[in-house]
PDB file of N, CA and C in Angstrom:
ATOM      1  N   MET A   1     -59.634 125.742   3.371  1.00  0.00           N
ATOM      2  CA  MET A   1     -60.565 125.575   1.916  1.00  0.00           C
ATOM      3  C   MET A   1     -59.298 125.535   0.916  1.00  0.00           C
ATOM      4  N   LEU A   2     -59.730 124.490  -0.263  1.00  0.00           N
ATOM      5  CA  LEU A   2     -58.699 124.355  -1.286  1.00  0.00           C
ATOM      6  C   LEU A   2     -59.113 125.317  -2.484  1.00  0.00           C
ATOM      7  N   HIS A   3     -58.225 125.881  -3.129  1.00  0.00           N
ATOM      8  CA  HIS A   3     -58.265 126.768  -4.022  1.00  0.00           C
ATOM      9  C   HIS A   3     -57.378 126.387  -5.224  1.00  0.00           C
ATOM     10  N   HIS A   4     -58.094 126.338  -6.557  1.00  0.00           N
ATOM     11  CA  HIS A   4     -57.150 126.000  -7.736  1.00  0.00           C
ATOM     12  C   HIS A   4     -57.035 126.948  -8.812  1.00  0.00           C
ATOM     13  N   ILE A   5     -55.863 127.261  -9.070  1.00  0.00           N
ATOM     14  CA  ILE A   5     -55.506 128.477 -10.147  1.00  0.00           C
ATOM     15  C   ILE A   5     -54.815 128.169 -11.150  1.00  0.00           C
ATOM     16  N   LEU A   6     -55.295 128.365 -12.344  1.00  0.00           N
ATOM     17  CA  LEU A   6     -54.641 128.282 -13.592  1.00  0.00           C
ATOM     18  C   LEU A   6     -54.081 129.243 -14.134  1.00  0.00           C
ATOM     19  N   THR A   7     -52.856 128.989 -14.687  1.00  0.00           N
ATOM     20  CA  THR A   7     -52.051 130.198 -15.253  1.00  0.00           C
ATOM     21  C   THR A   7     -51.756 129.754 -16.369  1.00  0.00           C
ATOM     22  N   LEU A   8     -51.737 130.715 -17.645  1.00  0.00           N
ATOM     23  CA  LEU A   8     -51.695 130.399 -18.938  1.00  0.00           C
ATOM     24  C   LEU A   8     -50.572 131.429 -19.417  1.00  0.00           C
ATOM     25  N   ASN A   9     -49.919 131.013 -20.520  1.00  0.00           N
ATOM     26  CA  ASN A   9     -48.798 131.620 -21.358  1.00  0.00           C
ATOM     27  C   ASN A   9     -49.056 131.229 -22.568  1.00  0.00           C
ATOM     28  N   ALA A  10     -50.104 132.111 -23.463  1.00  0.00           N
ATOM     29  CA  ALA A  10     -50.271 131.759 -24.945  1.00  0.00           C
ATOM     30  C   ALA A  10     -49.422 132.365 -25.831  1.00  0.00           C
ATOM     31  N   GLY A  11     -48.194 131.701 -26.630  1.00  0.00           N
ATOM     32  CA  GLY A  11     -47.450 132.596 -27.674  1.00  0.00           C
ATOM     33  C   GLY A  11     -47.900 132.219 -28.922  1.00  0.00           C
ATOM     34  N   SER A  12     -47.140 132.713 -29.668  1.00  0.00           N
ATOM     35  CA  SER A  12     -47.301 132.520 -31.319  1.00  0.00           C
ATOM     36  C   SER A  12     -47.190 131.056 -31.617  1.00  0.00           C
ATOM     37  N   SER A  13     -46.403 129.966 -31.094  1.00  0.00           N
ATOM     38  CA  SER A  13     -46.299 128.858 -31.265  1.00  0.00           C
ATOM     39  C   SER A  13     -46.369 127.797 -30.386  1.00  0.00           C
ATOM     40  N   SER A  14     -46.623 128.384 -29.050  1.00  0.00           N
ATOM     41  CA  SER A  14     -46.964 127.287 -27.751  1.00  0.00           C
ATOM     42  C   SER A  14     -47.891 127.820 -26.916  1.00  0.00           C
ATOM     43  N   LEU A  15     -48.266 126.973 -26.140  1.00  0.00           N
ATOM     44  CA  LEU A  15     -49.336 127.217 -25.085  1.00  0.00           C
ATOM     45  C   LEU A  15     -48.572 126.600 -23.488  1.00  0.00           C
ATOM     46  N   LYS A  16     -48.432 127.401 -23.046  1.00  0.00           N
ATOM     47  CA  LYS A  16     -47.647 126.680 -21.497  1.00  0.00           C
ATOM     48  C   LYS A  16     -48.950 127.016 -20.496  1.00  0.00           C
ATOM     49  N   PHE A  17     -49.139 126.032 -19.614  1.00  0.00           N
ATOM     50  CA  PHE A  17     -50.216 126.149 -18.636  1.00  0.00           C
ATOM     51  C   PHE A  17     -49.903 125.181 -17.605  1.00  0.00           C
ATOM     52  N   ALA A  18     -50.311 125.764 -16.464  1.00  0.00           N
ATOM     53  CA  ALA A  18     -50.196 125.016 -15.225  1.00  0.00           C
ATOM     54  C   ALA A  18     -51.187 125.355 -14.213  1.00  0.00           C
ATOM     55  N   VAL A  19     -51.698 123.965 -13.247  1.00  0.00           N
ATOM     56  CA  VAL A  19     -52.614 124.238 -12.431  1.00  0.00           C
ATOM     57  C   VAL A  19     -52.055 124.313 -11.001  1.00  0.00           C
ATOM     58  N   TYR A  20     -52.496 125.062 -10.166  1.00  0.00           N
ATOM     59  CA  TYR A  20     -51.678 125.125  -8.665  1.00  0.00           C
ATOM     60  C   TYR A  20     -52.931 124.882  -7.763  1.00  0.00           C
ATOM     61  N   ALA A  21     -52.796 124.350  -6.909  1.00  0.00           N
ATOM     62  CA  ALA A  21     -53.511 124.354  -5.542  1.00  0.00           C
ATOM     63  C   ALA A  21     -53.124 124.780  -4.441  1.00  0.00           C
ATOM     64  N   LYS A  22     -53.820 125.602  -3.575  1.00  0.00           N
ATOM     65  CA  LYS A  22     -53.465 126.549  -2.733  1.00  0.00           C
ATOM     66  C   LYS A  22     -54.365 126.094  -1.429  1.00  0.00           C
ATOM     67  N   GLU A  23     -53.768 125.481  -0.171  1.00  0.00           N
ATOM     68  CA  GLU A  23     -54.530 125.210   0.747  1.00  0.00           C
ATOM     69  C   GLU A  23     -53.709 125.649   1.948  1.00  0.00           C
ATOM     70  N   ALA A  24     -54.452 126.127   2.943  1.00  0.00           N
ATOM     71  CA  ALA A  24     -53.747 126.389   4.176  1.00  0.00           C
ATOM     72  C   ALA A  24     -52.400 127.224   3.974  1.00  0.00           C
ATOM     73  N   GLY A  25     -52.420 128.125   2.940  1.00  0.00           N
ATOM     74  CA  GLY A  25     -51.444 128.878   2.806  1.00  0.00           C
ATOM     75  C   GLY A  25     -50.097 128.108   1.950  1.00  0.00           C
ATOM     76  N   GLU A  26     -50.416 126.866   1.863  1.00  0.00           N
ATOM     77  CA  GLU A  26     -49.233 126.059   0.921  1.00  0.00           C
ATOM     78  C   GLU A  26     -49.657 126.155  -0.457  1.00  0.00           C
ATOM     79  N   LEU A  27     -48.848 126.595  -1.543  1.00  0.00           N
ATOM     80  CA  LEU A  27     -49.055 126.484  -3.033  1.00  0.00           C
ATOM     81  C   LEU A  27     -48.287 125.042  -3.373  1.00  0.00           C
ATOM     82  N   SER A  28     -49.130 124.397  -4.099  1.00  0.00           N
ATOM     83  CA  SER A  28     -48.520 123.203  -4.972  1.00  0.00           C
ATOM     84  C   SER A  28     -48.884 123.146  -6.108  1.00  0.00           C
ATOM     85  N   CYS A  29     -48.134 122.498  -7.285  1.00  0.00           N
ATOM     86  CA  CYS A  29     -48.416 122.532  -8.701  1.00  0.00           C
ATOM     87  C   CYS A  29     -48.917 121.293  -8.910  1.00  0.00           C
ATOM     88  N   ARG A  30     -50.103 121.173  -9.434  1.00  0.00           N
ATOM     89  CA  ARG A  30     -50.756 119.778  -9.969  1.00  0.00           C
ATOM     90  C   ARG A  30     -50.676 119.458 -11.180  1.00  0.00           C
ATOM     91  N   LEU A  31     -50.298 120.290 -12.194  1.00  0.00           N
ATOM     92  CA  LEU A  31     -50.149 119.975 -13.606  1.00  0.00           C
ATOM     93  C   LEU A  31     -49.345 120.974 -14.196  1.00  0.00           C
ATOM     94  N   LYS A  32     -48.416 120.801 -15.132  1.00  0.00           N
ATOM     95  CA  LYS A  32     -47.748 121.656 -15.780  1.00  0.00           C
ATOM     96  C   LYS A  32     -47.345 121.112 -17.188  1.00  0.00           C
ATOM     97  N   ASP A  33     -47.606 121.746 -18.116  1.00  0.00           N
ATOM     98  CA  ASP A  33     -47.325 121.384 -19.665  1.00  0.00           C
ATOM     99  C   ASP A  33     -47.021 122.627 -20.586  1.00  0.00           C
ATOM    100  N   THR A  34     -46.178 122.152 -21.554  1.00  0.00           N
ATOM    101  CA  THR A  34     -46.194 123.106 -22.595  1.00  0.00           C
ATOM    102  C   THR A  34     -46.666 122.321 -23.873  1.00  0.00           C
ATOM    103  N   ILE A  35     -47.480 122.953 -24.387  1.00  0.00           N
ATOM    104  CA  ILE A  35     -47.931 122.197 -25.956  1.00  0.00           C
ATOM    105  C   ILE A  35     -47.472 123.292 -26.847  1.00  0.00           C
ATOM    106  N   THR A  36     -46.800 122.518 -27.837  1.00  0.00           N
ATOM    107  CA  THR A  36     -46.504 123.288 -29.434  1.00  0.00           C
ATOM    108  C   THR A  36     -47.575 122.981 -30.332  1.00  0.00           C
ATOM    109  N   VAL A  37     -47.840 124.030 -30.927  1.00  0.00           N
ATOM    110  CA  VAL A  37     -48.847 123.930 -32.117  1.00  0.00           C
ATOM    111  C   VAL A  37     -48.009 123.461 -33.556  1.00  0.00           C
ATOM    112  N   ALA A  38     -48.164 122.342 -34.049  1.00  0.00           N
ATOM    113  CA  ALA A  38     -47.538 122.093 -35.285  1.00  0.00           C
ATOM    114  C   ALA A  38     -47.646 122.799 -36.523  1.00  0.00           C
ATOM    115  N   GLU A  39     -48.725 123.549 -36.694  1.00  0.00           N
ATOM    116  CA  GLU A  39     -48.926 124.609 -37.736  1.00  0.00           C
ATOM    117  C   GLU A  39     -47.891 125.842 -37.602  1.00  0.00           C
ATOM    118  N   SER A  40     -47.428 126.111 -36.174  1.00  0.00           N
ATOM    119  CA  SER A  40     -46.209 127.115 -36.022  1.00  0.00           C
ATOM    120  C   SER A  40     -45.166 126.742 -35.512  1.00  0.00           C
ATOM    121  N   ILE A  41     -44.716 125.222 -35.378  1.00  0.00           N
ATOM    122  CA  ILE A  41     -43.484 124.700 -35.040  1.00  0.00           C
ATOM    123  C   ILE A  41     -42.128 125.516 -35.541  1.00  0.00           C
ATOM    124  N   ARG A  42     -41.257 125.528 -34.406  1.00  0.00           N
ATOM    125  CA  ARG A  42     -39.819 126.294 -34.892  1.00  0.00           C
ATOM    126  C   ARG A  42     -38.961 125.117 -34.484  1.00  0.00           C
ATOM    127  N   ASP A  43     -37.667 124.976 -35.157  1.00  0.00           N
ATOM    128  CA  ASP A  43     -36.936 124.203 -35.089  1.00  0.00           C
ATOM    129  C   ASP A  43     -36.208 124.029 -33.437  1.00  0.00           C
ATOM    130  N   GLY A  44     -36.100 123.253 -32.797  1.00  0.00           N
ATOM    131  CA  GLY A  44     -35.597 122.828 -31.559  1.00  0.00           C
ATOM    132  C   GLY A  44     -36.501 123.172 -30.293  1.00  0.00           C
ATOM    133  N   SER A  45     -38.118 122.837 -30.662  1.00  0.00           N
ATOM    134  CA  SER A  45     -39.000 122.984 -29.740  1.00  0.00           C
ATOM    135  C   SER A  45     -38.508 121.994 -28.644  1.00  0.00           C
ATOM    136  N   GLN A  46     -38.999 122.554 -27.372  1.00  0.00           N
ATOM    137  CA  GLN A  46     -38.778 121.953 -26.206  1.00  0.00           C
ATOM    138  C   GLN A  46     -39.887 121.416 -25.531  1.00  0.00           C
ATOM    139  N   SER A  47     -41.071 121.470 -26.105  1.00  0.00           N
ATOM    140  CA  SER A  47     -42.345 121.049 -25.631  1.00  0.00           C
ATOM    141  C   SER A  47     -42.455 119.604 -25.536  1.00  0.00           C
ATOM    142  N   ARG A  48     -43.465 119.383 -24.349  1.00  0.00           N
ATOM    143  CA  ARG A  48     -43.683 117.868 -24.053  1.00  0.00           C
ATOM    144  C   ARG A  48     -44.643 117.203 -24.756  1.00  0.00           C
ATOM    145  N   THR A  49     -45.748 118.357 -25.438  1.00  0.00           N
ATOM    146  CA  THR A  49     -46.763 117.607 -25.901  1.00  0.00           C
ATOM    147  C   THR A  49     -47.057 118.511 -27.471  1.00  0.00           C
ATOM    148  N   LYS A  50     -47.441 117.866 -28.554  1.00  0.00           N
ATOM    149  CA  LYS A  50     -47.530 118.473 -29.950  1.00  0.00           C
ATOM    150  C   LYS A  50     -49.017 118.253 -30.542  1.00  0.00           C
ATOM    151  N   VAL A  51     -49.331 118.962 -30.870  1.00  0.00           N
ATOM    152  CA  VAL A  51     -50.737 119.014 -31.559  1.00  0.00           C
ATOM    153  C   VAL A  51     -50.877 119.870 -32.612  1.00  0.00           C
ATOM    154  N   GLN A  52     -51.710 119.560 -33.747  1.00  0.00           N
ATOM    155  CA  GLN A  52     -51.875 120.034 -35.023  1.00  0.00           C
ATOM    156  C   GLN A  52     -52.322 121.441 -35.287  1.00  0.00           C
ATOM    157  N   THR A  53     -53.171 121.654 -34.182  1.00  0.00           N
ATOM    158  CA  THR A  53     -53.952 122.970 -34.363  1.00  0.00           C
ATOM    159  C   THR A  53     -53.962 123.742 -32.829  1.00  0.00           C
ATOM    160  N   ARG A  54     -54.229 125.154 -32.886  1.00  0.00           N
ATOM    161  CA  ARG A  54     -54.284 125.751 -31.466  1.00  0.00           C
ATOM    162  C   ARG A  54     -55.681 125.301 -30.973  1.00  0.00           C
ATOM    163  N   ALA A  55     -56.877 124.992 -31.467  1.00  0.00           N
ATOM    164  CA  ALA A  55     -57.939 124.399 -31.180  1.00  0.00           C
ATOM    165  C   ALA A  55     -57.756 123.017 -30.274  1.00  0.00           C
ATOM    166  N   ALA A  56     -56.814 122.427 -30.804  1.00  0.00           N
ATOM    167  CA  ALA A  56     -56.391 120.965 -30.305  1.00  0.00           C
ATOM    168  C   ALA A  56     -55.739 121.473 -28.959  1.00  0.00           C
ATOM    169  N   ALA A  57     -54.979 122.513 -29.067  1.00  0.00           N
ATOM    170  CA  ALA A  57     -54.224 122.941 -27.981  1.00  0.00           C
ATOM    171  C   ALA A  57     -54.745 123.107 -26.485  1.00  0.00           C
ATOM    172  N   TRP A  58     -55.929 123.851 -26.979  1.00  0.00           N
ATOM    173  CA  TRP A  58     -56.942 124.367 -25.654  1.00  0.00           C
ATOM    174  C   TRP A  58     -57.674 123.077 -25.353  1.00  0.00           C
ATOM    175  N   GLU A  59     -57.946 122.083 -26.431  1.00  0.00           N
ATOM    176  CA  GLU A  59     -58.624 121.142 -25.591  1.00  0.00           C
ATOM    177  C   GLU A  59     -57.920 120.254 -24.690  1.00  0.00           C
ATOM    178  N   ARG A  60     -56.641 120.259 -25.310  1.00  0.00           N
ATOM    179  CA  ARG A  60     -55.396 119.527 -24.304  1.00  0.00           C
ATOM    180  C   ARG A  60     -55.549 120.000 -22.809  1.00  0.00           C
ATOM    181  N   VAL A  61     -55.597 121.635 -22.559  1.00  0.00           N
ATOM    182  CA  VAL A  61     -55.536 122.471 -21.523  1.00  0.00           C
ATOM    183  C   VAL A  61     -56.981 121.867 -20.709  1.00  0.00           C
ATOM    184  N   GLU A  62     -58.093 121.762 -21.458  1.00  0.00           N
ATOM    185  CA  GLU A  62     -59.052 121.593 -20.867  1.00  0.00           C
ATOM    186  C   GLU A  62     -59.032 120.136 -20.328  1.00  0.00           C
ATOM    187  N   ALA A  63     -58.572 119.268 -20.985  1.00  0.00           N
ATOM    188  CA  ALA A  63     -58.359 117.930 -20.705  1.00  0.00           C
ATOM    189  C   ALA A  63     -57.653 117.708 -19.307  1.00  0.00           C
ATOM    190  N   GLY A  64     -56.520 118.517 -19.219  1.00  0.00           N
ATOM    191  CA  GLY A  64     -55.743 118.552 -18.202  1.00  0.00           C
ATOM    192  C   GLY A  64     -56.291 118.943 -16.987  1.00  0.00           C
ATOM    193  N   ILE A  65     -56.890 120.004 -17.168  1.00  0.00           N
ATOM    194  CA  ILE A  65     -57.619 120.864 -15.825  1.00  0.00           C
ATOM    195  C   ILE A  65     -58.640 119.630 -15.473  1.00  0.00           C
ATOM    196  N   VAL A  66     -59.373 119.159 -16.040  1.00  0.00           N
ATOM    197  CA  VAL A  66     -60.219 118.041 -15.467  1.00  0.00           C
ATOM    198  C   VAL A  66     -59.467 116.892 -15.246  1.00  0.00           C
ATOM    199  N   ASP A  67     -58.426 116.333 -15.568  1.00  0.00           N
ATOM    200  CA  ASP A  67     -57.711 115.179 -15.145  1.00  0.00           C
ATOM    201  C   ASP A  67     -56.970 115.862 -13.603  1.00  0.00           C
ATOM    202  N   ALA A  68     -56.734 117.016 -13.490  1.00  0.00           N
ATOM    203  CA  ALA A  68     -55.815 117.654 -12.520  1.00  0.00           C
ATOM    204  C   ALA A  68     -56.600 117.894 -11.176  1.00  0.00           C
ATOM    205  N   VAL A  69     -57.751 118.351 -11.317  1.00  0.00           N
ATOM    206  CA  VAL A  69     -58.558 118.832 -10.403  1.00  0.00           C
ATOM    207  C   VAL A  69     -59.992 118.380 -10.430  1.00  0.00           C
ATOM    208  N   ASP A  70     -60.812 118.097  -9.289  1.00  0.00           N
ATOM    209  CA  ASP A  70     -62.061 117.810  -9.253  1.00  0.00           C
ATOM    210  C   ASP A  70     -63.076 118.538  -8.837  1.00  0.00           C
ATOM    211  N   GLN A  71     -62.601 120.070  -8.588  1.00  0.00           N
ATOM    212  CA  GLN A  71     -63.510 120.884  -8.624  1.00  0.00           C
ATOM    213  C   GLN A  71     -63.404 122.304  -9.510  1.00  0.00           C
ATOM    214  N   PRO A  72     -64.168 123.393  -9.383  1.00  0.00           N
ATOM    215  CA  PRO A  72     -63.816 124.532 -10.564  1.00  0.00           C
ATOM    216  C   PRO A  72     -62.662 125.086  -9.979  1.00  0.00           C
ATOM    217  N   VAL A  73     -61.984 125.906 -10.964  1.00  0.00           N
ATOM    218  CA  VAL A  73     -60.782 126.574 -10.926  1.00  0.00           C
ATOM    219  C   VAL A  73     -61.107 128.164 -10.582  1.00  0.00           C
ATOM    220  N   ASP A  74     -60.802 128.365  -9.322  1.00  0.00           N
ATOM    221  CA  ASP A  74     -60.965 129.766  -8.528  1.00  0.00           C
ATOM    222  C   ASP A  74     -60.241 131.053  -9.324  1.00  0.00           C
ATOM    223  N   ALA A  75     -59.472 130.696  -9.851  1.00  0.00           N
ATOM    224  CA  ALA A  75     -58.477 132.033 -10.478  1.00  0.00           C
ATOM    225  C   ALA A  75     -57.950 131.868 -11.612  1.00  0.00           C
ATOM    226  N   VAL A  76     -57.592 132.525 -12.564  1.00  0.00           N
ATOM    227  CA  VAL A  76     -57.077 132.268 -13.620  1.00  0.00           C
ATOM    228  C   VAL A  76     -55.989 133.778 -14.178  1.00  0.00           C
ATOM    229  N   GLY A  77     -54.968 133.265 -14.461  1.00  0.00           N
ATOM    230  CA  GLY A  77     -53.772 134.463 -14.830  1.00  0.00           C
ATOM    231  C   GLY A  77     -53.164 134.035 -15.981  1.00  0.00           C
ATOM    232  N   HIS A  78     -52.916 135.510 -16.783  1.00  0.00           N
ATOM    233  CA  HIS A  78     -52.747 135.059 -18.075  1.00  0.00           C
ATOM    234  C   HIS A  78     -51.469 136.092 -18.602  1.00  0.00           C
ATOM    235  N   ARG A  79     -50.415 135.707 -18.932  1.00  0.00           N
ATOM    236  CA  ARG A  79     -49.073 136.550 -19.167  1.00  0.00           C
ATOM    237  C   ARG A  79     -49.536 137.071 -20.595  1.00  0.00           C
ATOM    238  N   ILE A  80     -49.350 138.386 -20.835  1.00  0.00           N
ATOM    239  CA  ILE A  80     -49.559 139.213 -21.991  1.00  0.00           C
ATOM    240  C   ILE A  80     -48.104 139.848 -22.385  1.00  0.00           C
ATOM    241  N   VAL A  81     -47.706 139.710 -23.347  1.00  0.00           N
ATOM    242  CA  VAL A  81     -46.515 140.484 -23.813  1.00  0.00           C
ATOM    243  C   VAL A  81     -46.633 140.942 -25.300  1.00  0.00           C
ATOM    244  N   HIS A  82     -46.577 142.310 -25.187  1.00  0.00           N
ATOM    245  CA  HIS A  82     -46.666 143.058 -26.493  1.00  0.00           C
ATOM    246  C   HIS A  82     -45.397 143.612 -26.973  1.00  0.00           C
ATOM    247  N   GLY A  83     -45.189 143.632 -28.137  1.00  0.00           N
ATOM    248  CA  GLY A  83     -43.915 143.923 -28.890  1.00  0.00           C
ATOM    249  C   GLY A  83     -44.018 145.162 -29.375  1.00  0.00           C
ATOM    250  N   ASP A  84     -45.353 145.635 -29.579  1.00  0.00           N
ATOM    251  CA  ASP A  84     -45.473 147.078 -30.376  1.00  0.00           C
ATOM    252  C   ASP A  84     -45.049 148.138 -29.625  1.00  0.00           C
ATOM    253  N   PRO A  85     -44.289 148.992 -30.058  1.00  0.00           N
ATOM    254  CA  PRO A  85     -43.952 150.062 -29.271  1.00  0.00           C
ATOM    255  C   PRO A  85     -45.282 150.917 -28.800  1.00  0.00           C
ATOM    256  N   ARG A  86     -46.150 150.892 -29.283  1.00  0.00           N
ATOM    257  CA  ARG A  86     -47.460 151.761 -28.881  1.00  0.00           C
ATOM    258  C   ARG A  86     -47.788 150.987 -27.430  1.00  0.00           C
ATOM    259  N   PHE A  87     -47.274 149.809 -27.035  1.00  0.00           N
ATOM    260  CA  PHE A  87     -47.704 149.507 -25.506  1.00  0.00           C
ATOM    261  C   PHE A  87     -46.464 149.355 -24.699  1.00  0.00           C
ATOM    262  N   GLN A  88     -45.588 149.960 -24.933  1.00  0.00           N
ATOM    263  CA  GLN A  88     -44.171 150.184 -24.133  1.00  0.00           C
ATOM    264  C   GLN A  88     -44.342 151.259 -22.783  1.00  0.00           C
ATOM    265  N   GLY A  89     -44.139 150.773 -22.062  1.00  0.00           N
ATOM    266  CA  GLY A  89     -44.420 151.922 -20.633  1.00  0.00           C
ATOM    267  C   GLY A  89     -43.276 152.760 -20.389  1.00  0.00           C
TER     268      GLY A  89
END
């Protein structure tokens, strides 16, 4: 059975995402992109895609998923990083 996994890493100036397919124990990357939001661009950005707003970044993620897979995503993972001392373990 084929399963699709979406991974996200939303930062202050970029949104990284990838769609992986898992079938018969094998994992393959179907789509991978880094989107930089122009309203928060920093010098030296390494992004492949640039958009003007965060809403446009999420629209790009949605379009990428639709293009990469022909069935619903089964799981989503998101990397969360907190710099606040209250969240340190």
